[in-house]
Protein backbone atom coordinates (compact mmCIF):
# COMPACT_ATOMS: atom_id res chain seq x y z
CA MET A 1 75.23 15.28 10.39
CA ARG A 2 71.97 13.97 12.12
CA ILE A 3 71.64 10.10 13.42
CA ALA A 4 68.30 8.75 14.81
CA ILE A 5 68.64 5.46 16.74
CA ALA A 6 65.22 3.73 17.63
CA GLY A 7 66.00 1.56 20.49
CA ALA A 8 67.84 2.42 23.93
CA GLY A 9 68.68 -1.25 24.63
CA PRO A 10 72.44 -1.79 25.06
CA ALA A 11 72.77 -1.86 20.95
CA GLY A 12 71.69 1.39 20.79
CA LEU A 13 73.06 3.30 23.70
CA TYR A 14 76.12 2.06 22.28
CA ALA A 15 76.07 3.11 18.80
CA GLY A 16 75.22 6.54 20.20
CA ILE A 17 78.17 6.08 22.26
CA LEU A 18 80.69 5.39 19.74
CA SER A 19 79.24 8.11 17.36
CA ARG A 20 79.44 10.89 19.77
CA ARG A 21 82.88 9.73 20.26
CA ALA A 22 84.03 9.87 16.82
CA ARG A 23 82.06 12.62 15.95
CA PRO A 24 81.17 15.30 18.74
CA ASP A 25 79.62 17.38 16.54
CA ILE A 26 76.72 14.93 15.57
CA GLU A 27 73.25 15.60 16.64
CA ILE A 28 72.19 11.98 17.88
CA ASP A 29 68.46 11.31 19.00
CA ILE A 30 67.53 7.84 20.42
CA LEU A 31 64.00 6.98 21.19
CA GLU A 32 62.82 4.05 23.39
CA GLN A 33 59.17 3.09 23.39
CA ASN A 34 59.57 1.61 27.05
CA PRO A 35 60.35 3.31 29.90
CA ARG A 36 63.69 3.88 31.20
CA ASP A 37 65.15 0.77 33.13
CA ALA A 38 62.53 -1.53 31.63
CA THR A 39 64.21 -4.42 30.47
CA PHE A 40 63.11 -8.08 30.12
CA GLY A 41 65.21 -11.11 31.35
CA PHE A 42 67.70 -11.05 34.07
CA GLY A 43 71.89 -11.55 33.34
CA VAL A 44 73.73 -11.16 30.27
CA VAL A 45 76.67 -13.94 29.44
CA PHE A 46 79.84 -13.04 27.80
CA SER A 47 82.55 -15.82 26.98
CA ASP A 48 86.17 -15.00 27.47
CA GLU A 49 86.72 -14.62 24.08
CA ALA A 50 84.15 -12.51 23.28
CA LEU A 51 85.16 -10.21 26.26
CA GLY A 52 88.85 -10.24 24.13
CA PHE A 53 87.38 -9.15 21.13
CA LEU A 54 85.38 -6.27 23.32
CA ARG A 55 88.85 -5.34 24.67
CA ALA A 56 90.45 -5.28 21.67
CA ASP A 57 88.06 -2.91 19.87
CA ASP A 58 86.85 -0.67 22.79
CA PRO A 59 88.86 -1.33 26.13
CA GLU A 60 86.92 1.94 27.38
CA THR A 61 83.62 -0.34 27.44
CA ALA A 62 85.63 -3.52 28.56
CA ASP A 63 87.02 -1.15 31.51
CA LEU A 64 83.37 -0.19 32.37
CA ILE A 65 81.55 -3.56 33.00
CA GLU A 66 84.21 -5.89 33.59
CA PRO A 67 84.77 -5.20 37.39
CA HIS A 68 80.84 -5.76 37.66
CA MET A 69 80.84 -9.46 36.16
CA MET A 70 80.61 -13.13 38.04
CA ARG A 71 83.48 -15.28 36.43
CA TRP A 72 83.53 -18.86 36.20
CA SER A 73 86.23 -20.96 34.70
CA ASP A 74 84.40 -24.11 33.98
CA ILE A 75 80.76 -25.45 32.42
CA HIS A 76 78.98 -28.19 34.13
CA VAL A 77 76.37 -30.42 33.07
CA VAL A 78 74.43 -32.51 34.92
CA HIS A 79 72.87 -35.78 33.57
CA ARG A 80 71.25 -38.74 35.48
CA GLY A 81 72.28 -37.14 38.68
CA GLU A 82 76.08 -36.89 37.62
CA ARG A 83 77.95 -33.54 37.39
CA ILE A 84 80.31 -33.34 34.90
CA VAL A 85 83.20 -30.54 34.63
CA ILE A 86 84.37 -29.11 31.41
CA ASP A 87 87.49 -27.17 32.10
CA GLY A 88 88.58 -24.08 30.48
CA VAL A 89 85.55 -22.87 29.21
CA GLY A 90 85.51 -19.20 30.95
CA PHE A 91 82.65 -17.01 31.12
CA ALA A 92 81.51 -13.91 32.61
CA GLY A 93 78.00 -12.66 33.93
CA ILE A 94 76.32 -9.53 34.37
CA GLY A 95 72.62 -8.30 35.50
CA ARG A 96 71.13 -7.28 32.37
CA LEU A 97 69.72 -3.75 34.48
CA GLU A 98 73.00 -3.35 35.69
CA LEU A 99 74.61 -3.54 32.25
CA LEU A 100 71.82 -0.84 30.63
CA GLN A 101 72.45 1.21 33.56
CA LEU A 102 76.38 1.36 32.92
CA LEU A 103 75.71 2.47 29.28
CA GLN A 104 73.03 4.87 30.47
CA ASN A 105 75.48 6.72 32.53
CA ARG A 106 78.17 6.49 30.04
CA ALA A 107 75.81 7.74 27.30
CA ALA A 108 74.76 10.77 29.48
CA ALA A 109 78.31 11.99 30.22
CA LEU A 110 78.38 12.28 26.09
CA GLY A 111 75.33 14.31 26.62
CA LEU A 112 73.27 11.79 25.22
CA HIS A 113 69.64 11.60 26.90
CA PRO A 114 67.02 8.98 25.18
CA ARG A 115 63.71 9.79 24.96
CA TYR A 116 61.74 7.21 26.64
CA GLU A 117 58.28 5.99 26.12
CA THR A 118 58.41 7.55 22.76
CA ARG A 119 56.97 5.10 20.34
CA LEU A 120 57.89 5.38 16.67
CA ASP A 121 54.99 4.08 14.26
CA ASP A 122 56.19 5.68 11.28
CA PRO A 123 59.84 5.56 10.48
CA ALA A 124 59.15 7.88 7.59
CA THR A 125 58.73 10.58 10.43
CA LEU A 126 62.41 10.42 11.35
CA ASP A 127 64.34 13.63 9.88
CA ALA A 128 67.92 12.03 9.96
CA ASP A 129 70.95 11.63 7.50
CA LEU A 130 71.20 8.18 9.31
CA ILE A 131 68.73 5.79 11.19
CA ILE A 132 69.71 2.62 13.11
CA ALA A 133 67.67 0.33 13.76
CA ALA A 134 68.51 -1.07 17.23
CA ASP A 135 65.04 -1.91 18.33
CA GLY A 136 65.55 -5.75 18.22
CA LEU A 137 63.51 -8.75 17.16
CA ASN A 138 60.35 -6.88 16.45
CA SER A 139 61.91 -3.63 14.96
CA VAL A 140 59.51 -1.33 13.56
CA ILE A 141 62.43 0.19 11.09
CA ARG A 142 62.77 -3.60 9.71
CA GLY A 143 59.16 -3.95 10.22
CA ALA A 144 57.89 -1.23 7.90
CA ASP A 145 59.64 -2.62 4.60
CA PRO A 146 60.81 -6.29 5.46
CA ALA A 147 61.26 -7.11 1.78
CA ALA A 148 63.93 -4.54 1.42
CA PHE A 149 66.02 -6.05 4.29
CA GLY A 150 65.56 -9.66 2.55
CA GLU A 151 63.69 -10.94 6.03
CA THR A 152 63.99 -14.64 6.65
CA LEU A 153 62.08 -15.42 10.01
CA THR A 154 61.53 -19.13 11.32
CA HIS A 155 61.16 -20.72 14.97
CA GLN A 156 62.55 -23.73 16.47
CA ASN A 157 59.99 -26.16 17.92
CA ASN A 158 61.23 -26.00 21.48
CA ARG A 159 59.60 -24.11 24.02
CA PHE A 160 61.37 -22.08 26.60
CA VAL A 161 60.81 -19.73 29.56
CA TRP A 162 63.01 -17.27 30.89
CA TYR A 163 63.39 -16.70 34.74
CA GLY A 164 65.45 -15.72 37.18
CA CYS A 165 66.32 -17.24 40.89
CA ASP A 166 67.21 -16.20 44.13
CA ARG A 167 70.68 -18.07 44.59
CA ASN A 168 74.28 -18.37 43.39
CA PHE A 169 75.81 -21.42 40.86
CA ASP A 170 78.95 -22.30 40.66
CA ALA A 171 79.48 -22.24 37.02
CA LEU A 172 77.33 -21.88 34.16
CA THR A 173 75.60 -25.24 34.09
CA GLN A 174 73.46 -27.04 32.24
CA SER A 175 70.94 -29.26 33.86
CA PHE A 176 69.14 -32.46 32.41
CA ILE A 177 66.19 -34.08 34.11
CA ASP A 178 63.57 -36.51 33.92
CA THR A 179 60.19 -35.68 34.86
CA PRO A 180 56.63 -37.10 34.95
CA ALA A 181 55.92 -35.46 31.68
CA GLY A 182 59.41 -36.09 30.05
CA ARG A 183 62.86 -34.77 29.53
CA MET A 184 63.63 -30.98 29.99
CA ASN A 185 66.59 -29.09 30.63
CA ALA A 186 67.68 -25.70 32.14
CA HIS A 187 70.32 -23.48 31.35
CA HIS A 188 71.63 -21.81 34.81
CA TYR A 189 74.05 -19.45 35.70
CA SER A 190 74.83 -16.62 38.39
CA TYR A 191 74.99 -12.98 37.27
CA ALA A 192 75.21 -11.07 40.58
CA LYS A 193 75.58 -12.37 44.59
CA GLY A 194 72.62 -14.25 45.35
CA ARG A 195 71.06 -14.07 41.78
CA GLY A 196 70.86 -16.10 38.74
CA THR A 197 69.14 -16.79 35.42
CA PHE A 198 67.17 -20.14 35.01
CA ILE A 199 66.27 -20.87 31.35
CA ILE A 200 63.99 -24.06 31.14
CA GLU A 201 63.64 -25.85 27.93
CA MET A 202 61.57 -28.84 26.77
CA THR A 203 60.51 -30.43 23.45
CA ALA A 204 57.11 -29.49 22.17
CA GLU A 205 55.91 -32.86 22.83
CA VAL A 206 56.84 -32.48 26.66
CA PHE A 207 55.38 -28.80 26.58
CA ALA A 208 51.88 -30.19 25.62
CA ALA A 209 52.16 -33.12 28.06
CA THR A 210 52.71 -30.41 31.00
CA GLY A 211 49.53 -28.74 30.04
CA PHE A 212 51.45 -25.46 30.62
CA ALA A 213 49.55 -24.17 27.84
CA ASP A 214 46.85 -24.11 29.73
CA MET A 215 48.35 -22.70 32.90
CA ALA A 216 48.65 -19.14 34.24
CA GLU A 217 52.16 -18.38 34.89
CA PRO A 218 52.22 -19.05 38.77
CA ASP A 219 50.83 -22.25 38.38
CA TYR A 220 53.74 -23.29 35.78
CA ARG A 221 56.10 -21.44 37.85
CA ALA A 222 55.16 -23.56 40.78
CA THR A 223 55.42 -26.75 38.92
CA CYS A 224 58.53 -25.86 37.23
CA GLU A 225 60.09 -25.27 40.90
CA ALA A 226 58.52 -28.59 41.67
CA TYR A 227 60.51 -30.48 38.93
CA PHE A 228 64.02 -28.61 39.18
CA ALA A 229 63.73 -28.98 43.05
CA ASP A 230 67.25 -30.64 43.16
CA THR A 231 68.88 -28.11 40.91
CA LEU A 232 67.21 -24.96 42.80
CA GLN A 233 67.61 -26.13 46.40
CA GLY A 234 65.05 -24.53 47.61
CA ALA A 235 65.76 -20.92 45.44
CA ARG A 236 62.61 -19.72 44.13
CA LEU A 237 61.92 -18.93 40.41
CA ILE A 238 61.42 -15.16 39.53
CA PRO A 239 59.54 -13.80 36.77
CA ASN A 240 59.87 -10.98 34.43
CA ASN A 241 57.58 -11.68 31.43
CA SER A 242 58.48 -15.25 31.64
CA VAL A 243 55.71 -16.62 28.78
CA TRP A 244 56.75 -19.33 26.70
CA ARG A 245 58.05 -18.68 23.51
CA ARG A 246 59.84 -20.50 20.29
CA PHE A 247 63.30 -18.96 19.58
CA PRO A 248 62.90 -17.14 16.70
CA ASN A 249 65.89 -17.38 13.97
CA LEU A 250 65.88 -14.30 12.32
CA SER A 251 68.48 -13.47 9.38
CA CYS A 252 68.55 -10.71 6.87
CA SER A 253 70.04 -10.97 3.23
CA ARG A 254 70.39 -7.00 3.31
CA TRP A 255 71.48 -4.90 6.06
CA HIS A 256 70.94 -2.03 5.09
CA ALA A 257 67.99 0.11 2.74
CA GLY A 258 68.47 4.31 2.16
CA ASN A 259 69.55 5.51 4.79
CA ARG A 260 68.12 2.58 7.21
CA VAL A 261 70.43 0.28 8.32
CA LEU A 262 70.46 -2.70 11.00
CA VAL A 263 72.17 -3.83 14.27
CA GLY A 264 71.74 -6.49 17.07
CA ASP A 265 68.58 -8.69 17.08
CA ALA A 266 66.96 -5.95 14.75
CA LEU A 267 68.97 -7.82 12.01
CA HIS A 268 69.96 -11.56 13.39
CA THR A 269 69.48 -13.71 16.44
CA ALA A 270 71.98 -16.52 18.00
CA HIS A 271 70.26 -19.20 20.22
CA PHE A 272 70.85 -18.03 23.83
CA SER A 273 72.36 -21.70 24.27
CA ILE A 274 76.03 -19.74 23.33
CA GLY A 275 75.12 -16.81 25.26
CA SER A 276 76.21 -14.15 22.37
CA GLY A 277 73.36 -11.97 21.22
CA THR A 278 74.48 -8.71 23.03
CA ARG A 279 78.17 -9.62 22.32
CA LEU A 280 76.90 -9.86 18.66
CA ALA A 281 74.72 -6.69 18.87
CA LEU A 282 77.82 -4.67 20.32
CA GLU A 283 80.17 -6.10 17.74
CA ASP A 284 77.73 -4.82 14.86
CA VAL A 285 77.94 -1.57 16.21
CA ILE A 286 81.55 -1.30 16.62
CA ALA A 287 81.90 -2.56 12.79
CA LEU A 288 79.28 -0.22 11.75
CA VAL A 289 80.90 2.91 13.17
CA ARG A 290 84.07 1.95 12.09
CA ALA A 291 82.83 2.00 8.38
CA LEU A 292 81.29 5.07 9.25
CA ARG A 293 84.41 6.69 10.39
CA ASP A 294 86.47 5.13 7.37
CA SER A 295 84.05 6.68 5.17
CA ASP A 296 84.31 10.13 6.14
CA TRP A 297 80.67 9.69 7.72
CA THR A 298 79.27 9.35 3.96
CA VAL A 299 76.21 7.29 4.84
CA ASP A 300 75.56 5.98 0.64
CA ALA A 301 78.95 4.51 1.20
CA ALA A 302 79.69 3.37 4.82
CA LEU A 303 76.64 1.19 4.82
CA PRO A 304 77.45 -1.46 2.13
CA ALA A 305 80.97 -1.14 3.59
CA TYR A 306 79.68 -2.42 6.98
CA GLN A 307 77.95 -5.59 5.71
CA GLN A 308 80.54 -6.06 3.33
CA ALA A 309 83.02 -6.49 6.13
CA ARG A 310 80.85 -7.87 9.07
CA GLN A 311 78.65 -10.22 7.26
CA PRO A 312 81.44 -13.17 6.87
CA ILE A 313 82.29 -12.86 10.77
CA LEU A 314 78.89 -13.16 11.64
CA GLU A 315 77.66 -15.54 9.48
CA LYS A 316 80.40 -17.78 11.46
CA LEU A 317 78.75 -17.19 14.82
CA THR A 318 75.40 -17.45 13.69
CA ALA A 319 76.22 -20.95 12.03
CA ALA A 320 77.43 -22.00 15.47
CA ALA A 321 74.01 -20.95 17.02
CA ARG A 322 72.04 -22.62 15.09
CA ARG A 323 74.12 -25.85 14.86
CA SER A 324 73.88 -25.55 18.99
CA SER A 325 70.13 -24.61 18.88
CA ASP A 326 69.80 -27.55 16.56
CA TRP A 327 71.32 -29.49 18.90
CA TYR A 328 69.04 -28.60 22.07
CA GLU A 329 66.27 -29.46 19.69
CA ALA A 330 66.80 -33.06 20.05
CA TYR A 331 68.44 -32.89 23.67
CA ASP A 332 65.68 -35.64 24.72
CA ARG A 333 67.28 -37.75 21.93
CA HIS A 334 70.83 -37.17 23.35
CA MET A 335 70.18 -37.63 26.96
CA ASP A 336 69.89 -41.58 25.75
CA LEU A 337 73.75 -41.16 26.14
CA ALA A 338 75.60 -42.06 29.14
CA PRO A 339 76.72 -38.98 31.28
CA TRP A 340 80.43 -38.67 29.76
CA PRO A 341 79.67 -39.26 26.11
CA PHE A 342 76.56 -36.73 26.69
CA ALA A 343 78.82 -34.21 27.96
CA LEU A 344 81.34 -34.81 24.95
CA SER A 345 77.91 -34.37 22.36
CA TYR A 346 77.13 -31.14 24.11
CA ILE A 347 80.51 -29.50 24.32
CA ARG A 348 81.10 -30.46 20.44
CA ARG A 349 77.25 -29.29 19.56
CA ALA A 350 78.54 -25.97 17.52
CA GLY A 351 80.94 -27.88 15.23
CA ARG A 352 83.44 -25.10 16.25
CA LEU A 353 85.76 -27.48 18.41
CA SER A 354 88.24 -30.28 16.65
CA PRO A 355 89.44 -32.90 19.24
CA ASP A 356 92.58 -31.06 19.08
CA ARG A 357 91.35 -27.92 19.94
CA LEU A 358 89.40 -29.37 22.92
CA ARG A 359 92.25 -31.26 24.03
CA GLY A 360 93.89 -27.97 24.05
CA LEU A 361 90.84 -26.22 26.01
CA ALA A 362 89.59 -28.68 28.17
CA PRO A 363 92.68 -31.09 29.13
CA ARG A 364 91.32 -32.38 32.32
CA PHE A 365 87.93 -32.82 30.61
CA THR A 366 89.38 -34.71 27.92
CA ALA A 367 91.81 -36.67 30.31
CA ALA A 368 88.79 -37.96 31.78
CA LEU A 369 87.12 -39.30 28.18
CA GLU A 370 90.15 -40.97 27.50
CA GLN A 371 90.75 -42.61 30.54
CA ARG A 372 87.26 -44.10 30.25
CA GLY A 373 88.05 -45.15 26.56
CA ILE A 374 85.59 -42.39 25.22
CA PRO A 375 87.26 -40.97 21.51
CA LEU A 376 87.07 -37.51 21.21
CA GLU A 377 85.62 -38.08 17.41
CA ALA A 378 82.62 -39.61 19.07
CA ALA A 379 80.48 -36.65 19.47
């Protein structure tokens, strides 16, 4: 059997790793258009819940990456200069490049060596029994015939830019500020000692007021550093393809067509505010390889089984991500709330935390709300 994998990011490498472990005799070809170690972004975040799922399905990968992670047990929300701690919400961060290199090493140990700087212009040229599209949002596999996969692609209105920075943060933090151009927010967290991710977001109206669309990157970076000076505390923003974007909402009604199958961002997106993109991609791969194994590697049977088993689980998570991104689309209006009600609105934004579940998850935060006479149902 021959498998071709488009993309040597985490999802593509992981697809190769799990397939080779399950069937050592399979021929696996991984193609990547970028050079080795070329990656955009800085840190990757996993919730404790996500790490638990990964450990249950693949303890070897969990053992591989967890020692390299920075951990926090709280979320901090900063609004009107007040820092509110939401306890009990655990996260771990790792550098995107470090994660990629760990998976590269694991793949190499299994005899898998991706072909870098190899562009796939026409999927029809691939001679394989199974083609796994792990080539991201701009997937060549899906893009060659989007109708076959039932592609739907829309964009949020907010603008965001992804930076790194040279400082530590005590927790995964959401900072909301007022500026001369309007209200802005930053999602920031550490992924390694002395290194953090710093994502700046604003509404379309505020983006227009800043004039950033007409500025070169160094100029709007300097302006953002000035706006977020209190948050950065002297740290520098570090660019890496740091251009202003609108978040893409991608979904596909059909996950496979012929011998082609989609995983990760080639199949779906999940807003960065829930930090689940990489987690979802790895779980897609786990589900795909499980379906292949259970179908005795019969592609025609495995691909529908993959979608049938995985889609209901994925839809719950992506629906929560959509609700979270919709909350951010109106974050400037939410900022009319006082800090404590605002923090409650923030933590319940995805619709997955009932008052009782929130009490169990974050007892100190909920006790502080109730002491202030703020009902948990208010959000």
